[in-house]
Amino acid sequence: MAKLVAILATTHHPFFYKTSQLPPDEAAPFAAEWVRKVEAYRATLTAARPDVLVMVGSDHFHQLWLDNMPPFLVGKAPHYDGNYYNEEREFGLPRLVLKGHEELSGYILREALDREFDLAFSNELRVDHSITCPIITVRPQNDLPIVPIYTNIFAPPLPRPERFVKLGRTLRELVDAWPSDLRVAVVGTGHLSLELGGPRQFGPHGPDPELDAKAVEWIANGDIDGCLSEVTLDSLHAPGNATHGFMDFMLMMGLAGYHKADYADNLDLFHTMEAYFTWYPNGVGE
């Protein structure tokens, strides 16, 4: 059977790549600390020695629009073009081509159907920065095949938080049961409190520092029940118009189960809090 060697839950800030490329005299005051934290986090994936990455993210209305918005979608293609023109223009992100793992994609789709998840799929998916930014931060050599999984966190009606947790648990079951000798890591990215395009977009910290602090504790401690007792679709409206991205973190908590993270770190970065968590289900490097 396949071995789940690492679970990573993180943010996907699109300005990290550009920030990391600037010379010190042009970089923002927080740049060096940000780069240091990302490089330390990157080592947590390297230590797991994965063969394939399952990547959980959310399309930012690039490929998926209101005429066709599935709750959950799995990419099933041999290759994925990465980043869109506006991401190149606004964030300085590079164009990428990521190799797909069609066998694992097909397996997840088939087996999830028998576990009450009718997942959509795409053979022509182009991924955006929710997938490419974690590649840039934790696997910049871009040398591993991926299975992208998109969640709908933007266009109501949204799946409820409980559904995200359940999908995480289901993905854990599927990876553990996959008849393969490959080492699998799952990398999921979401948000803490976040405002996009609104009056609180560029504040000194995220719109709701209290929620951010609670979220870090919930994730680091594997407190799924505590998180579910407070987080609802309605409660995620007030902390910022993009805070529903926190449900992708909850999906990753479902994958990890009721276990404390083996690695936890964060960085309060003006308009948002960056967060980095890793679990090793079978021990580091095992």
Protein backbone atom coordinates (compact mmCIF):
# COMPACT_ATOMS: atom_id res chain seq x y z
CA MET A 1 0.00 0.00 0.00
CA ALA A 2 0.99 3.63 -0.43
CA LYS A 3 2.47 5.45 2.53
CA LEU A 4 1.22 8.88 3.60
CA VAL A 5 4.52 10.44 4.62
CA ALA A 6 3.54 14.06 5.30
CA ILE A 7 0.56 16.41 5.58
CA LEU A 8 1.28 20.11 5.12
CA ALA A 9 -1.23 22.90 5.73
CA THR A 10 -0.15 26.40 4.82
CA THR A 11 -1.12 29.74 3.34
CA HIS A 12 -0.37 30.67 -0.31
CA HIS A 13 0.65 34.31 -0.38
CA PRO A 14 1.20 35.30 -4.03
CA PHE A 15 3.77 38.00 -3.24
CA PHE A 16 6.26 35.63 -1.61
CA TYR A 17 8.02 34.72 -4.87
CA LYS A 18 8.58 38.35 -5.87
CA THR A 19 9.63 39.28 -2.33
CA SER A 20 12.15 36.44 -2.20
CA GLN A 21 13.77 37.58 -5.47
CA LEU A 22 14.50 41.15 -4.38
CA PRO A 23 17.99 42.23 -3.27
CA PRO A 24 18.17 43.13 0.43
CA ASP A 25 18.30 46.88 -0.20
CA GLU A 26 15.02 46.73 -2.15
CA ALA A 27 13.16 44.21 0.00
CA ALA A 28 10.60 45.05 2.66
CA PRO A 29 11.72 44.92 6.31
CA PHE A 30 9.88 41.64 6.88
CA ALA A 31 11.33 39.91 3.80
CA ALA A 32 14.33 38.19 5.40
CA GLU A 33 12.26 36.74 8.23
CA TRP A 34 9.61 35.58 5.77
CA VAL A 35 12.17 33.83 3.57
CA ARG A 36 13.80 32.22 6.62
CA LYS A 37 10.49 30.81 7.83
CA VAL A 38 9.55 29.47 4.40
CA GLU A 39 12.93 27.79 3.96
CA ALA A 40 12.59 26.14 7.37
CA TYR A 41 9.11 24.98 6.45
CA ARG A 42 10.32 23.65 3.10
CA ALA A 43 12.66 21.31 4.95
CA THR A 44 9.67 19.56 6.55
CA LEU A 45 8.55 18.30 3.14
CA THR A 46 12.06 17.46 1.99
CA ALA A 47 12.54 15.25 5.05
CA ALA A 48 9.48 13.18 4.09
CA ARG A 49 10.97 12.13 0.73
CA PRO A 50 7.65 12.09 -1.17
CA ASP A 51 7.13 10.61 -4.62
CA VAL A 52 3.85 12.36 -5.41
CA LEU A 53 1.99 15.40 -4.07
CA VAL A 54 -1.74 15.77 -3.62
CA MET A 55 -2.34 19.54 -3.73
CA VAL A 56 -5.47 21.05 -2.18
CA GLY A 57 -6.33 24.62 -3.13
CA SER A 58 -9.07 26.85 -4.50
CA ASP A 59 -9.43 28.40 -7.93
CA HIS A 60 -9.64 32.21 -7.75
CA PHE A 61 -12.29 32.52 -10.50
CA HIS A 62 -9.70 31.78 -13.16
CA GLN A 63 -10.93 28.52 -14.68
CA LEU A 64 -14.07 27.99 -12.60
CA TRP A 65 -16.83 30.60 -12.79
CA LEU A 66 -20.46 30.96 -11.81
CA ASP A 67 -21.61 29.03 -14.88
CA ASN A 68 -19.92 25.88 -13.55
CA MET A 69 -18.74 25.82 -9.93
CA PRO A 70 -18.35 22.33 -8.43
CA PRO A 71 -17.97 22.01 -4.64
CA PHE A 72 -14.86 19.83 -5.10
CA LEU A 73 -12.90 19.06 -8.26
CA VAL A 74 -9.96 16.75 -9.01
CA GLY A 75 -7.52 17.39 -11.83
CA LYS A 76 -7.01 14.34 -14.04
CA ALA A 77 -4.46 15.41 -16.64
CA PRO A 78 -0.91 14.42 -17.61
CA HIS A 79 0.30 18.01 -17.21
CA TYR A 80 -0.99 21.28 -15.76
CA ASP A 81 -0.09 24.76 -16.94
CA GLY A 82 0.40 27.03 -13.96
CA ASN A 83 -0.45 30.69 -13.34
CA TYR A 84 -2.49 33.15 -15.33
CA TYR A 85 -1.59 36.44 -16.95
CA ASN A 86 -2.98 38.57 -14.13
CA GLU A 87 -0.86 36.58 -11.63
CA GLU A 88 2.23 37.26 -13.71
CA ARG A 89 1.33 40.95 -13.97
CA GLU A 90 0.25 41.58 -10.38
CA PHE A 91 2.44 39.20 -8.41
CA GLY A 92 5.42 38.53 -10.68
CA LEU A 93 4.69 34.79 -10.66
CA PRO A 94 6.43 32.66 -13.29
CA ARG A 95 4.73 30.38 -15.77
CA LEU A 96 5.01 26.75 -14.67
CA VAL A 97 4.22 23.33 -16.08
CA LEU A 98 3.47 20.69 -13.45
CA LYS A 99 3.42 16.98 -14.17
CA GLY A 100 0.21 15.15 -13.25
CA HIS A 101 -0.29 11.71 -11.73
CA GLU A 102 -3.26 10.36 -13.67
CA GLU A 103 -3.34 7.01 -11.88
CA LEU A 104 -3.76 8.54 -8.43
CA SER A 105 -6.28 11.09 -9.77
CA GLY A 106 -8.38 8.31 -11.28
CA TYR A 107 -8.16 6.22 -8.13
CA ILE A 108 -9.33 9.10 -5.92
CA LEU A 109 -12.24 9.86 -8.24
CA ARG A 110 -13.42 6.25 -8.45
CA GLU A 111 -13.05 5.38 -4.79
CA ALA A 112 -14.52 8.67 -3.53
CA LEU A 113 -17.72 7.86 -5.42
CA ASP A 114 -18.14 4.85 -3.19
CA ARG A 115 -17.59 7.00 -0.08
CA GLU A 116 -20.36 9.54 -0.74
CA PHE A 117 -18.22 12.12 -2.57
CA ASP A 118 -19.26 12.72 -6.17
CA LEU A 119 -16.17 14.69 -7.13
CA ALA A 120 -16.04 16.67 -10.35
CA PHE A 121 -12.98 16.27 -12.55
CA SER A 122 -11.17 18.09 -15.33
CA ASN A 123 -8.81 16.75 -17.98
CA GLU A 124 -7.89 20.30 -19.01
CA LEU A 125 -7.24 22.07 -15.73
CA ARG A 126 -4.96 25.08 -15.51
CA VAL A 127 -3.92 25.80 -11.95
CA ASP A 128 -3.44 29.15 -10.28
CA HIS A 129 -1.46 30.44 -7.31
CA SER A 130 -3.27 28.34 -4.70
CA ILE A 131 -1.39 25.39 -6.23
CA THR A 132 1.70 27.04 -7.70
CA CYS A 133 2.63 29.14 -4.66
CA PRO A 134 3.03 26.11 -2.37
CA ILE A 135 5.08 24.47 -5.12
CA ILE A 136 7.31 27.56 -5.15
CA THR A 137 7.62 27.59 -1.37
CA VAL A 138 7.95 23.91 -0.43
CA ARG A 139 9.09 22.22 -3.68
CA PRO A 140 10.67 24.90 -5.89
CA GLN A 141 12.43 22.32 -8.07
CA ASN A 142 8.94 21.26 -9.25
CA ASP A 143 10.12 17.71 -9.81
CA LEU A 144 7.18 15.67 -8.46
CA PRO A 145 3.87 14.72 -10.10
CA ILE A 146 0.79 16.23 -8.54
CA VAL A 147 -2.93 15.60 -8.10
CA PRO A 148 -4.65 19.00 -7.77
CA ILE A 149 -7.89 19.14 -5.79
CA TYR A 150 -9.91 22.35 -5.93
CA THR A 151 -12.50 23.35 -3.32
CA ASN A 152 -15.16 26.01 -3.64
CA ILE A 153 -14.60 28.66 -0.98
CA PHE A 154 -15.81 31.68 -2.98
CA ALA A 155 -19.17 31.11 -4.70
CA PRO A 156 -22.22 30.32 -2.54
CA PRO A 157 -23.70 27.89 -1.85
CA LEU A 158 -20.52 26.65 -0.20
CA PRO A 159 -19.98 23.23 1.36
CA ARG A 160 -20.16 23.51 5.14
CA PRO A 161 -17.04 23.23 7.32
CA GLU A 162 -18.07 19.73 8.39
CA ARG A 163 -17.99 18.65 4.76
CA PHE A 164 -14.42 19.89 4.34
CA VAL A 165 -13.35 17.90 7.41
CA LYS A 166 -15.11 14.81 6.07
CA LEU A 167 -13.39 15.13 2.70
CA GLY A 168 -10.06 15.33 4.51
CA ARG A 169 -10.85 12.13 6.42
CA THR A 170 -11.90 10.44 3.17
CA LEU A 171 -8.72 11.46 1.39
CA ARG A 172 -6.74 9.99 4.28
CA GLU A 173 -8.58 6.69 3.91
CA LEU A 174 -8.02 6.67 0.15
CA VAL A 175 -4.31 7.39 0.32
CA ASP A 176 -3.79 4.79 3.02
CA ALA A 177 -5.61 2.19 0.90
CA TRP A 178 -4.08 3.05 -2.47
CA PRO A 179 -2.43 -0.12 -3.86
CA SER A 180 0.92 1.46 -4.66
CA ASP A 181 4.40 1.53 -3.19
CA LEU A 182 4.71 5.31 -3.63
CA ARG A 183 5.22 7.83 -0.85
CA VAL A 184 2.44 10.44 -0.82
CA ALA A 185 2.44 13.90 0.72
CA VAL A 186 -0.67 16.07 0.85
CA VAL A 187 -0.14 19.83 0.72
CA GLY A 188 -3.18 22.02 1.35
CA THR A 189 -3.39 25.80 1.33
CA GLY A 190 -5.99 28.20 2.63
CA HIS A 191 -6.37 31.46 4.54
CA LEU A 192 -6.80 32.68 8.05
CA SER A 193 -8.78 35.93 8.37
CA LEU A 194 -8.44 37.76 5.07
CA GLU A 195 -10.01 40.65 3.19
CA LEU A 196 -9.58 40.94 -0.59
CA GLY A 197 -10.47 44.21 -2.31
CA GLY A 198 -12.30 45.53 0.74
CA PRO A 199 -11.54 48.34 3.22
CA ARG A 200 -9.58 46.03 5.54
CA GLN A 201 -7.31 44.56 2.87
CA PHE A 202 -4.05 46.25 3.86
CA GLY A 203 -4.29 46.66 7.61
CA PRO A 204 -1.41 46.14 10.03
CA HIS A 205 -2.46 42.48 10.45
CA GLY A 206 -5.28 40.18 9.42
CA PRO A 207 -8.80 41.58 9.87
CA ASP A 208 -9.45 39.38 12.93
CA PRO A 209 -6.33 38.69 15.03
CA GLU A 210 -8.44 36.92 17.65
CA LEU A 211 -9.69 34.39 15.13
CA ASP A 212 -6.18 33.98 13.74
CA ALA A 213 -4.83 33.14 17.19
CA LYS A 214 -7.64 30.63 17.78
CA ALA A 215 -7.12 29.08 14.35
CA VAL A 216 -3.41 28.55 14.95
CA GLU A 217 -4.21 26.81 18.25
CA TRP A 218 -6.94 24.63 16.72
CA ILE A 219 -4.68 23.48 13.90
CA ALA A 220 -1.51 23.02 15.93
CA ASN A 221 -3.35 20.97 18.57
CA GLY A 222 -5.53 18.92 16.21
CA ASP A 223 -8.61 20.35 17.92
CA ILE A 224 -11.16 19.48 15.25
CA ASP A 225 -14.10 19.46 17.66
CA GLY A 226 -13.20 22.84 19.14
CA CYS A 227 -12.86 24.29 15.68
CA LEU A 228 -16.18 22.85 14.46
CA SER A 229 -17.94 24.13 17.58
CA GLU A 230 -17.17 27.74 16.63
CA VAL A 231 -16.70 27.82 12.86
CA THR A 232 -19.74 28.01 10.59
CA LEU A 233 -20.38 29.46 7.16
CA ASP A 234 -22.00 32.46 8.84
CA SER A 235 -19.21 32.98 11.36
CA LEU A 236 -16.63 33.17 8.56
CA HIS A 237 -18.30 36.19 6.93
CA ALA A 238 -17.39 38.75 9.59
CA PRO A 239 -13.57 38.24 9.76
CA GLY A 240 -13.05 39.25 6.11
CA ASN A 241 -14.57 38.43 2.75
CA ALA A 242 -12.03 35.69 1.92
CA THR A 243 -11.93 34.02 5.33
CA HIS A 244 -13.90 31.04 4.05
CA GLY A 245 -10.53 29.85 2.77
CA PHE A 246 -9.98 28.67 6.34
CA MET A 247 -12.12 25.67 5.46
CA ASP A 248 -9.21 24.35 3.38
CA PHE A 249 -7.21 24.30 6.62
CA MET A 250 -10.08 22.35 8.17
CA LEU A 251 -9.88 19.84 5.33
CA MET A 252 -6.23 19.31 6.20
CA MET A 253 -7.15 18.88 9.87
CA GLY A 254 -9.50 16.12 8.75
CA LEU A 255 -6.57 14.45 6.99
CA ALA A 256 -4.33 14.74 10.04
CA GLY A 257 -6.97 13.65 12.54
CA TYR A 258 -6.85 14.46 16.23
CA HIS A 259 -3.08 14.82 16.31
CA LYS A 260 -0.89 17.73 17.23
CA ALA A 261 1.18 19.10 14.40
CA ASP A 262 4.80 17.98 14.38
CA TYR A 263 5.77 21.42 13.09
CA ALA A 264 3.92 24.70 13.60
CA ASP A 265 4.96 28.26 12.79
CA ASN A 266 3.35 31.52 11.74
CA LEU A 267 4.19 35.06 10.72
CA ASP A 268 1.96 38.11 11.20
CA LEU A 269 2.44 39.79 7.83
CA PHE A 270 0.68 43.16 7.69
CA HIS A 271 -2.72 42.33 6.03
CA THR A 272 -2.69 38.61 6.82
CA MET A 273 -1.15 35.96 9.02
CA GLU A 274 1.00 33.36 7.29
CA ALA A 275 0.81 29.90 8.88
CA TYR A 276 2.78 26.68 8.41
CA PHE A 277 1.92 23.23 9.81
CA THR A 278 3.27 19.73 9.12
CA TRP A 279 2.25 16.31 10.39
CA TYR A 280 4.21 13.08 9.91
CA PRO A 281 1.66 10.23 10.20
CA ASN A 282 4.39 7.59 10.32
CA GLY A 283 7.29 9.54 11.79
CA VAL A 284 9.81 11.81 10.10
CA GLY A 285 11.27 10.22 6.98
CA GLU A 286 9.60 6.84 7.65
